[in-house]
Amino acid sequence: MERQIYGNLVDSLRGLEDGKEHLKAAHLGNALSQIKLNLPPHSWAGLYLVNDGQLVLGPFQGTPACEEIAFGKGVVGACYEKRATIMVEDVTTFPGYICCDASAKSEICIPVFKDKEVIAILDIDRPDLHDFSNEKEEFEAIAKLLENWL
């Protein structure tokens, strides 16, 4: 993601912060839509929410996805357990990768925190082999903004 695009995206997301408690779900949906629109075509962007001892699909943009993921399973579950961003340039190399969409070739998962607890995982899938190292800080900043609506 180019720096200019990232800056515009962050500004758009900050514009959603209006304190209206009843619009939190709408804000999350719009935030994921804006993220997806700024990614290459056929990418996937979504949130997995911590719920009852597992990660449950929340707002997302893209093809249908796995609805429940156990802690420690796949990239999403590993991100939860490690409490740190995980970047996978080629998903076929990740041990225990969970394939929800065969078109996904690379993935980055970023934990979303509230009161020092992981409450969600921001998951971005791309249809190409991709090195996320230049975008890691950008996606972590976006995850930080999303915690306001969770």
N, C-alpha and C. Protein backbone atom coordinates (compact mmCIF):
# COMPACT_ATOMS: atom_id res chain seq x y z
N MET A 1 0.86 -1.17 0.00
CA MET A 1 0.00 0.00 0.00
C MET A 1 0.90 1.23 0.00
N GLU A 2 0.72 2.13 -0.92
CA GLU A 2 1.54 3.32 -0.99
C GLU A 2 1.24 4.23 0.19
N ARG A 3 2.26 4.98 0.63
CA ARG A 3 2.12 5.86 1.80
C ARG A 3 0.96 6.84 1.63
N GLN A 4 0.79 7.40 0.44
CA GLN A 4 -0.30 8.35 0.21
C GLN A 4 -1.66 7.68 0.39
N ILE A 5 -1.78 6.49 -0.16
CA ILE A 5 -3.04 5.75 -0.01
C ILE A 5 -3.29 5.45 1.46
N TYR A 6 -2.24 5.02 2.16
CA TYR A 6 -2.36 4.73 3.59
C TYR A 6 -2.82 5.97 4.35
N GLY A 7 -2.19 7.11 4.08
CA GLY A 7 -2.56 8.35 4.76
C GLY A 7 -4.01 8.71 4.53
N ASN A 8 -4.47 8.58 3.30
CA ASN A 8 -5.88 8.84 2.98
C ASN A 8 -6.80 7.87 3.69
N LEU A 9 -6.38 6.59 3.75
CA LEU A 9 -7.20 5.58 4.42
C LEU A 9 -7.31 5.88 5.90
N VAL A 10 -6.21 6.20 6.55
CA VAL A 10 -6.24 6.51 7.98
C VAL A 10 -7.12 7.73 8.24
N ASP A 11 -7.01 8.76 7.40
CA ASP A 11 -7.86 9.94 7.55
C ASP A 11 -9.33 9.56 7.43
N SER A 12 -9.66 8.70 6.47
CA SER A 12 -11.05 8.26 6.30
C SER A 12 -11.53 7.50 7.52
N LEU A 13 -10.68 6.63 8.05
CA LEU A 13 -11.08 5.86 9.23
C LEU A 13 -11.25 6.76 10.45
N ARG A 14 -10.37 7.72 10.60
CA ARG A 14 -10.51 8.66 11.72
C ARG A 14 -11.80 9.47 11.60
N GLY A 15 -12.23 9.71 10.37
CA GLY A 15 -13.48 10.43 10.16
C GLY A 15 -14.70 9.67 10.67
N LEU A 16 -14.55 8.37 10.84
CA LEU A 16 -15.66 7.57 11.37
C LEU A 16 -15.78 7.66 12.89
N GLU A 17 -14.74 8.17 13.54
CA GLU A 17 -14.74 8.24 15.00
C GLU A 17 -15.62 9.39 15.47
N ASP A 18 -16.88 9.11 15.67
CA ASP A 18 -17.80 10.18 16.07
C ASP A 18 -18.40 9.94 17.44
N GLY A 19 -18.01 8.85 18.12
CA GLY A 19 -18.49 8.59 19.46
C GLY A 19 -19.91 8.05 19.53
N LYS A 20 -20.54 7.78 18.41
CA LYS A 20 -21.91 7.27 18.41
C LYS A 20 -21.88 5.77 18.66
N GLU A 21 -22.15 5.40 19.89
CA GLU A 21 -22.07 4.01 20.33
C GLU A 21 -22.93 3.09 19.47
N HIS A 22 -24.12 3.55 19.09
CA HIS A 22 -25.05 2.70 18.33
C HIS A 22 -24.58 2.47 16.88
N LEU A 23 -23.53 3.16 16.43
CA LEU A 23 -23.05 2.99 15.07
C LEU A 23 -21.73 2.21 14.99
N LYS A 24 -21.31 1.61 16.10
CA LYS A 24 -20.03 0.90 16.09
C LYS A 24 -19.98 -0.18 15.02
N ALA A 25 -21.01 -0.99 14.91
CA ALA A 25 -21.02 -2.06 13.90
C ALA A 25 -20.97 -1.47 12.49
N ALA A 26 -21.68 -0.38 12.27
CA ALA A 26 -21.66 0.28 10.96
C ALA A 26 -20.27 0.84 10.67
N HIS A 27 -19.63 1.42 11.68
CA HIS A 27 -18.27 1.95 11.51
C HIS A 27 -17.30 0.83 11.12
N LEU A 28 -17.41 -0.31 11.79
CA LEU A 28 -16.53 -1.44 11.47
C LEU A 28 -16.74 -1.91 10.04
N GLY A 29 -18.00 -2.03 9.64
CA GLY A 29 -18.29 -2.45 8.27
C GLY A 29 -17.73 -1.48 7.25
N ASN A 30 -17.92 -0.20 7.50
CA ASN A 30 -17.39 0.82 6.60
C ASN A 30 -15.86 0.84 6.60
N ALA A 31 -15.26 0.64 7.76
CA ALA A 31 -13.80 0.61 7.84
C ALA A 31 -13.24 -0.54 7.01
N LEU A 32 -13.85 -1.73 7.13
CA LEU A 32 -13.37 -2.89 6.36
C LEU A 32 -13.59 -2.67 4.87
N SER A 33 -14.67 -2.01 4.52
CA SER A 33 -14.91 -1.69 3.11
C SER A 33 -13.83 -0.75 2.58
N GLN A 34 -13.49 0.27 3.36
CA GLN A 34 -12.45 1.21 2.92
C GLN A 34 -11.09 0.52 2.80
N ILE A 35 -10.78 -0.37 3.74
CA ILE A 35 -9.52 -1.10 3.66
C ILE A 35 -9.49 -1.93 2.38
N LYS A 36 -10.56 -2.68 2.14
CA LYS A 36 -10.63 -3.55 0.96
C LYS A 36 -10.50 -2.74 -0.33
N LEU A 37 -11.15 -1.60 -0.39
CA LEU A 37 -11.10 -0.78 -1.59
C LEU A 37 -9.70 -0.27 -1.90
N ASN A 38 -8.84 -0.18 -0.89
CA ASN A 38 -7.48 0.30 -1.08
C ASN A 38 -6.48 -0.82 -1.32
N LEU A 39 -6.94 -2.06 -1.35
CA LEU A 39 -6.08 -3.20 -1.62
C LEU A 39 -6.22 -3.60 -3.08
N PRO A 40 -5.30 -4.44 -3.58
CA PRO A 40 -5.43 -4.92 -4.95
C PRO A 40 -6.74 -5.70 -5.14
N PRO A 41 -7.23 -5.80 -6.37
CA PRO A 41 -8.45 -6.57 -6.62
C PRO A 41 -8.34 -8.00 -6.09
N HIS A 42 -9.45 -8.53 -5.67
CA HIS A 42 -9.59 -9.91 -5.18
C HIS A 42 -8.91 -10.15 -3.83
N SER A 43 -8.56 -9.08 -3.13
CA SER A 43 -8.05 -9.22 -1.77
C SER A 43 -9.21 -9.40 -0.81
N TRP A 44 -8.90 -9.78 0.41
CA TRP A 44 -9.90 -10.01 1.45
C TRP A 44 -9.46 -9.25 2.70
N ALA A 45 -10.40 -8.61 3.37
CA ALA A 45 -10.11 -7.89 4.61
C ALA A 45 -11.22 -8.17 5.60
N GLY A 46 -10.84 -8.58 6.80
CA GLY A 46 -11.87 -8.86 7.79
C GLY A 46 -11.34 -8.90 9.20
N LEU A 47 -12.28 -9.03 10.12
CA LEU A 47 -11.97 -9.13 11.54
C LEU A 47 -12.46 -10.46 12.07
N TYR A 48 -11.64 -11.08 12.88
CA TYR A 48 -12.07 -12.23 13.67
C TYR A 48 -12.12 -11.76 15.11
N LEU A 49 -13.27 -11.93 15.73
CA LEU A 49 -13.52 -11.43 17.08
C LEU A 49 -13.38 -12.55 18.10
N VAL A 50 -12.75 -12.24 19.23
CA VAL A 50 -12.65 -13.21 20.32
C VAL A 50 -14.04 -13.39 20.91
N ASN A 51 -14.49 -14.66 20.94
CA ASN A 51 -15.83 -14.95 21.43
C ASN A 51 -15.88 -16.38 21.95
N ASP A 52 -16.15 -16.51 23.22
CA ASP A 52 -16.38 -17.82 23.83
C ASP A 52 -15.23 -18.81 23.55
N GLY A 53 -14.00 -18.36 23.77
CA GLY A 53 -12.84 -19.24 23.66
C GLY A 53 -12.39 -19.56 22.25
N GLN A 54 -12.79 -18.76 21.27
CA GLN A 54 -12.35 -18.96 19.90
C GLN A 54 -12.44 -17.64 19.15
N LEU A 55 -12.05 -17.67 17.89
CA LEU A 55 -12.13 -16.50 17.02
C LEU A 55 -13.28 -16.70 16.05
N VAL A 56 -14.18 -15.73 16.03
CA VAL A 56 -15.40 -15.83 15.23
C VAL A 56 -15.39 -14.71 14.19
N LEU A 57 -15.76 -15.06 12.97
CA LEU A 57 -15.80 -14.10 11.87
C LEU A 57 -16.69 -12.92 12.23
N GLY A 58 -16.14 -11.73 12.06
CA GLY A 58 -16.88 -10.49 12.26
C GLY A 58 -17.07 -9.80 10.93
N PRO A 59 -17.12 -8.47 10.92
CA PRO A 59 -17.27 -7.74 9.67
C PRO A 59 -16.13 -8.06 8.72
N PHE A 60 -16.45 -8.22 7.44
CA PHE A 60 -15.42 -8.50 6.44
C PHE A 60 -15.88 -8.04 5.08
N GLN A 61 -14.91 -7.97 4.17
CA GLN A 61 -15.17 -7.63 2.77
C GLN A 61 -14.43 -8.63 1.91
N GLY A 62 -15.14 -9.35 1.09
CA GLY A 62 -14.54 -10.34 0.20
C GLY A 62 -15.39 -11.58 0.11
N THR A 63 -14.78 -12.65 -0.32
CA THR A 63 -15.49 -13.92 -0.49
C THR A 63 -15.84 -14.51 0.88
N PRO A 64 -16.81 -15.45 0.92
CA PRO A 64 -17.15 -16.08 2.20
C PRO A 64 -15.90 -16.66 2.86
N ALA A 65 -15.91 -16.67 4.19
CA ALA A 65 -14.72 -17.06 4.95
C ALA A 65 -15.06 -18.05 6.05
N CYS A 66 -14.03 -18.63 6.63
CA CYS A 66 -14.20 -19.53 7.77
C CYS A 66 -14.88 -18.76 8.90
N GLU A 67 -15.88 -19.36 9.49
CA GLU A 67 -16.66 -18.67 10.51
C GLU A 67 -16.06 -18.78 11.91
N GLU A 68 -15.37 -19.87 12.19
CA GLU A 68 -14.76 -20.06 13.50
C GLU A 68 -13.34 -20.59 13.33
N ILE A 69 -12.43 -20.03 14.10
CA ILE A 69 -11.04 -20.49 14.09
C ILE A 69 -10.59 -20.64 15.54
N ALA A 70 -10.03 -21.79 15.86
CA ALA A 70 -9.55 -22.05 17.22
C ALA A 70 -8.28 -21.27 17.49
N PHE A 71 -8.09 -20.88 18.74
CA PHE A 71 -6.85 -20.23 19.14
C PHE A 71 -5.69 -21.15 18.76
N GLY A 72 -4.65 -20.58 18.18
CA GLY A 72 -3.47 -21.35 17.82
C GLY A 72 -3.53 -22.02 16.46
N LYS A 73 -4.67 -21.99 15.79
CA LYS A 73 -4.83 -22.65 14.49
C LYS A 73 -4.75 -21.64 13.35
N GLY A 74 -4.04 -22.02 12.29
CA GLY A 74 -3.91 -21.15 11.13
C GLY A 74 -3.17 -19.87 11.48
N VAL A 75 -3.11 -18.96 10.54
CA VAL A 75 -2.41 -17.69 10.75
C VAL A 75 -3.17 -16.83 11.76
N VAL A 76 -4.49 -16.81 11.64
CA VAL A 76 -5.32 -16.00 12.55
C VAL A 76 -5.15 -16.48 13.99
N GLY A 77 -5.27 -17.77 14.22
CA GLY A 77 -5.15 -18.31 15.57
C GLY A 77 -3.75 -18.17 16.14
N ALA A 78 -2.73 -18.30 15.27
CA ALA A 78 -1.35 -18.11 15.71
C ALA A 78 -1.11 -16.65 16.11
N CYS A 79 -1.69 -15.73 15.37
CA CYS A 79 -1.57 -14.31 15.70
C CYS A 79 -2.16 -14.04 17.08
N TYR A 80 -3.32 -14.64 17.35
CA TYR A 80 -3.94 -14.47 18.67
C TYR A 80 -3.01 -14.98 19.77
N GLU A 81 -2.49 -16.17 19.60
CA GLU A 81 -1.63 -16.75 20.64
C GLU A 81 -0.32 -15.98 20.83
N LYS A 82 0.26 -15.51 19.75
CA LYS A 82 1.54 -14.79 19.84
C LYS A 82 1.36 -13.34 20.27
N ARG A 83 0.13 -12.82 20.12
CA ARG A 83 -0.16 -11.42 20.47
C ARG A 83 0.72 -10.47 19.67
N ALA A 84 1.01 -10.88 18.43
CA ALA A 84 1.89 -10.09 17.57
C ALA A 84 1.48 -10.29 16.11
N THR A 85 1.83 -9.32 15.30
CA THR A 85 1.56 -9.39 13.86
C THR A 85 2.31 -10.56 13.24
N ILE A 86 1.62 -11.28 12.37
CA ILE A 86 2.24 -12.36 11.61
C ILE A 86 2.06 -12.05 10.13
N MET A 87 3.19 -12.08 9.40
CA MET A 87 3.17 -11.83 7.96
C MET A 87 3.59 -13.11 7.25
N VAL A 88 2.78 -13.52 6.27
CA VAL A 88 3.07 -14.75 5.52
C VAL A 88 3.09 -14.39 4.04
N GLU A 89 4.28 -14.43 3.47
CA GLU A 89 4.45 -14.07 2.05
C GLU A 89 3.85 -15.13 1.12
N ASP A 90 3.90 -16.39 1.54
CA ASP A 90 3.37 -17.50 0.76
C ASP A 90 2.67 -18.45 1.72
N VAL A 91 1.33 -18.46 1.68
CA VAL A 91 0.57 -19.24 2.67
C VAL A 91 0.85 -20.74 2.60
N THR A 92 1.35 -21.22 1.46
CA THR A 92 1.63 -22.66 1.37
C THR A 92 2.81 -23.06 2.25
N THR A 93 3.56 -22.09 2.74
CA THR A 93 4.72 -22.38 3.59
C THR A 93 4.39 -22.30 5.08
N PHE A 94 3.16 -21.89 5.43
CA PHE A 94 2.80 -21.73 6.83
C PHE A 94 2.26 -23.05 7.38
N PRO A 95 2.92 -23.63 8.38
CA PRO A 95 2.44 -24.90 8.95
C PRO A 95 1.03 -24.75 9.53
N GLY A 96 0.13 -25.62 9.13
CA GLY A 96 -1.24 -25.58 9.65
C GLY A 96 -2.12 -24.51 9.04
N TYR A 97 -1.70 -23.98 7.89
CA TYR A 97 -2.50 -22.95 7.23
C TYR A 97 -3.92 -23.44 7.00
N ILE A 98 -4.91 -22.59 7.28
CA ILE A 98 -6.32 -22.90 7.04
C ILE A 98 -6.73 -22.19 5.76
N CYS A 99 -7.10 -22.95 4.76
CA CYS A 99 -7.49 -22.38 3.47
C CYS A 99 -9.00 -22.13 3.45
N CYS A 100 -9.38 -20.87 3.60
CA CYS A 100 -10.79 -20.50 3.47
C CYS A 100 -11.12 -20.09 2.04
N ASP A 101 -10.12 -19.58 1.34
CA ASP A 101 -10.30 -19.10 -0.03
C ASP A 101 -9.06 -19.51 -0.83
N ALA A 102 -9.25 -20.35 -1.81
CA ALA A 102 -8.12 -20.87 -2.59
C ALA A 102 -7.35 -19.79 -3.34
N SER A 103 -7.96 -18.62 -3.52
CA SER A 103 -7.26 -17.56 -4.25
C SER A 103 -6.27 -16.80 -3.36
N ALA A 104 -6.33 -16.99 -2.05
CA ALA A 104 -5.41 -16.30 -1.14
C ALA A 104 -4.02 -16.90 -1.26
N LYS A 105 -3.04 -16.05 -1.49
CA LYS A 105 -1.64 -16.50 -1.62
C LYS A 105 -0.74 -15.96 -0.52
N SER A 106 -1.12 -14.81 0.06
CA SER A 106 -0.34 -14.22 1.15
C SER A 106 -1.30 -13.64 2.18
N GLU A 107 -0.80 -13.45 3.40
CA GLU A 107 -1.69 -13.03 4.49
C GLU A 107 -0.91 -12.27 5.55
N ILE A 108 -1.57 -11.28 6.13
CA ILE A 108 -1.05 -10.60 7.31
C ILE A 108 -2.18 -10.56 8.33
N CYS A 109 -1.84 -10.88 9.57
CA CYS A 109 -2.80 -10.83 10.67
C CYS A 109 -2.23 -9.94 11.76
N ILE A 110 -3.06 -9.03 12.25
CA ILE A 110 -2.64 -8.05 13.25
C ILE A 110 -3.59 -8.12 14.44
N PRO A 111 -3.06 -8.28 15.66
CA PRO A 111 -3.94 -8.30 16.82
C PRO A 111 -4.50 -6.91 17.12
N VAL A 112 -5.75 -6.88 17.57
CA VAL A 112 -6.39 -5.65 18.01
C VAL A 112 -6.56 -5.79 19.53
N PHE A 113 -6.06 -4.81 20.27
CA PHE A 113 -6.05 -4.88 21.73
C PHE A 113 -7.06 -3.93 22.35
N LYS A 114 -7.54 -4.31 23.51
CA LYS A 114 -8.35 -3.43 24.36
C LYS A 114 -7.96 -3.78 25.79
N ASP A 115 -7.51 -2.80 26.55
CA ASP A 115 -7.06 -3.04 27.92
C ASP A 115 -6.03 -4.17 27.98
N LYS A 116 -5.10 -4.14 27.04
CA LYS A 116 -3.98 -5.09 26.94
C LYS A 116 -4.38 -6.53 26.63
N GLU A 117 -5.63 -6.75 26.28
CA GLU A 117 -6.12 -8.07 25.88
C GLU A 117 -6.41 -8.07 24.38
N VAL A 118 -6.10 -9.19 23.71
CA VAL A 118 -6.44 -9.31 22.30
C VAL A 118 -7.95 -9.53 22.21
N ILE A 119 -8.62 -8.64 21.50
CA ILE A 119 -10.08 -8.76 21.35
C ILE A 119 -10.49 -9.12 19.92
N ALA A 120 -9.55 -8.98 18.99
CA ALA A 120 -9.86 -9.28 17.59
C ALA A 120 -8.55 -9.42 16.82
N ILE A 121 -8.67 -9.98 15.63
CA ILE A 121 -7.55 -10.10 14.71
C ILE A 121 -7.98 -9.47 13.38
N LEU A 122 -7.20 -8.49 12.91
CA LEU A 122 -7.41 -7.93 11.57
C LEU A 122 -6.67 -8.84 10.61
N ASP A 123 -7.39 -9.38 9.64
CA ASP A 123 -6.85 -10.36 8.70
C ASP A 123 -6.95 -9.80 7.29
N ILE A 124 -5.81 -9.75 6.61
CA ILE A 124 -5.76 -9.28 5.22
C ILE A 124 -5.17 -10.41 4.37
N ASP A 125 -5.90 -10.83 3.36
CA ASP A 125 -5.42 -11.84 2.41
C ASP A 125 -5.25 -11.17 1.05
N ARG A 126 -4.18 -11.56 0.37
CA ARG A 126 -3.96 -11.04 -0.98
C ARG A 126 -3.86 -12.20 -1.97
N PRO A 127 -4.24 -11.97 -3.22
CA PRO A 127 -4.24 -13.04 -4.22
C PRO A 127 -2.89 -13.25 -4.90
N ASP A 128 -1.86 -12.57 -4.39
CA ASP A 128 -0.52 -12.73 -4.96
C ASP A 128 0.47 -13.01 -3.82
N LEU A 129 1.61 -13.57 -4.18
CA LEU A 129 2.67 -13.73 -3.19
C LEU A 129 3.14 -12.32 -2.86
N HIS A 130 3.15 -11.99 -1.57
CA HIS A 130 3.37 -10.59 -1.21
C HIS A 130 4.16 -10.49 0.09
N ASP A 131 5.12 -9.60 0.10
CA ASP A 131 5.90 -9.30 1.30
C ASP A 131 5.26 -8.09 1.98
N PHE A 132 4.70 -8.30 3.16
CA PHE A 132 4.00 -7.24 3.89
C PHE A 132 4.93 -6.38 4.73
N SER A 133 6.24 -6.63 4.72
CA SER A 133 7.14 -5.94 5.65
C SER A 133 7.10 -4.42 5.50
N ASN A 134 6.88 -3.90 4.30
CA ASN A 134 6.80 -2.45 4.12
C ASN A 134 5.47 -1.86 4.56
N GLU A 135 4.49 -2.72 4.84
CA GLU A 135 3.16 -2.24 5.22
C GLU A 135 2.80 -2.60 6.67
N LYS A 136 3.68 -3.30 7.35
CA LYS A 136 3.38 -3.78 8.70
C LYS A 136 2.93 -2.65 9.62
N GLU A 137 3.70 -1.60 9.70
CA GLU A 137 3.35 -0.49 10.59
C GLU A 137 2.04 0.16 10.19
N GLU A 138 1.77 0.23 8.89
CA GLU A 138 0.53 0.84 8.42
C GLU A 138 -0.67 0.02 8.88
N PHE A 139 -0.60 -1.31 8.69
CA PHE A 139 -1.72 -2.15 9.11
C PHE A 139 -1.87 -2.18 10.63
N GLU A 140 -0.77 -2.10 11.36
CA GLU A 140 -0.85 -2.04 12.82
C GLU A 140 -1.53 -0.75 13.28
N ALA A 141 -1.27 0.35 12.59
CA ALA A 141 -1.93 1.62 12.92
C ALA A 141 -3.43 1.53 12.63
N ILE A 142 -3.79 0.87 11.55
CA ILE A 142 -5.21 0.68 11.23
C ILE A 142 -5.87 -0.18 12.30
N ALA A 143 -5.22 -1.25 12.73
CA ALA A 143 -5.78 -2.11 13.79
C ALA A 143 -5.98 -1.30 15.07
N LYS A 144 -5.07 -0.40 15.37
CA LYS A 144 -5.19 0.46 16.56
C LYS A 144 -6.44 1.33 16.46
N LEU A 145 -6.72 1.84 15.27
CA LEU A 145 -7.94 2.66 15.09
C LEU A 145 -9.20 1.83 15.28
N LEU A 146 -9.17 0.57 14.82
CA LEU A 146 -10.36 -0.27 14.90
C LEU A 146 -10.76 -0.61 16.33
N GLU A 147 -9.80 -0.61 17.24
CA GLU A 147 -10.13 -0.97 18.63
C GLU A 147 -11.16 -0.02 19.23
N ASN A 148 -11.27 1.18 18.69
CA ASN A 148 -12.24 2.14 19.22
C ASN A 148 -13.69 1.70 19.03
N TRP A 149 -13.92 0.80 18.08
CA TRP A 149 -15.30 0.39 17.80
C TRP A 149 -15.60 -1.03 18.26
N LEU A 150 -14.68 -1.62 18.99
CA LEU A 150 -14.89 -2.99 19.49
C LEU A 150 -15.12 -2.99 20.98
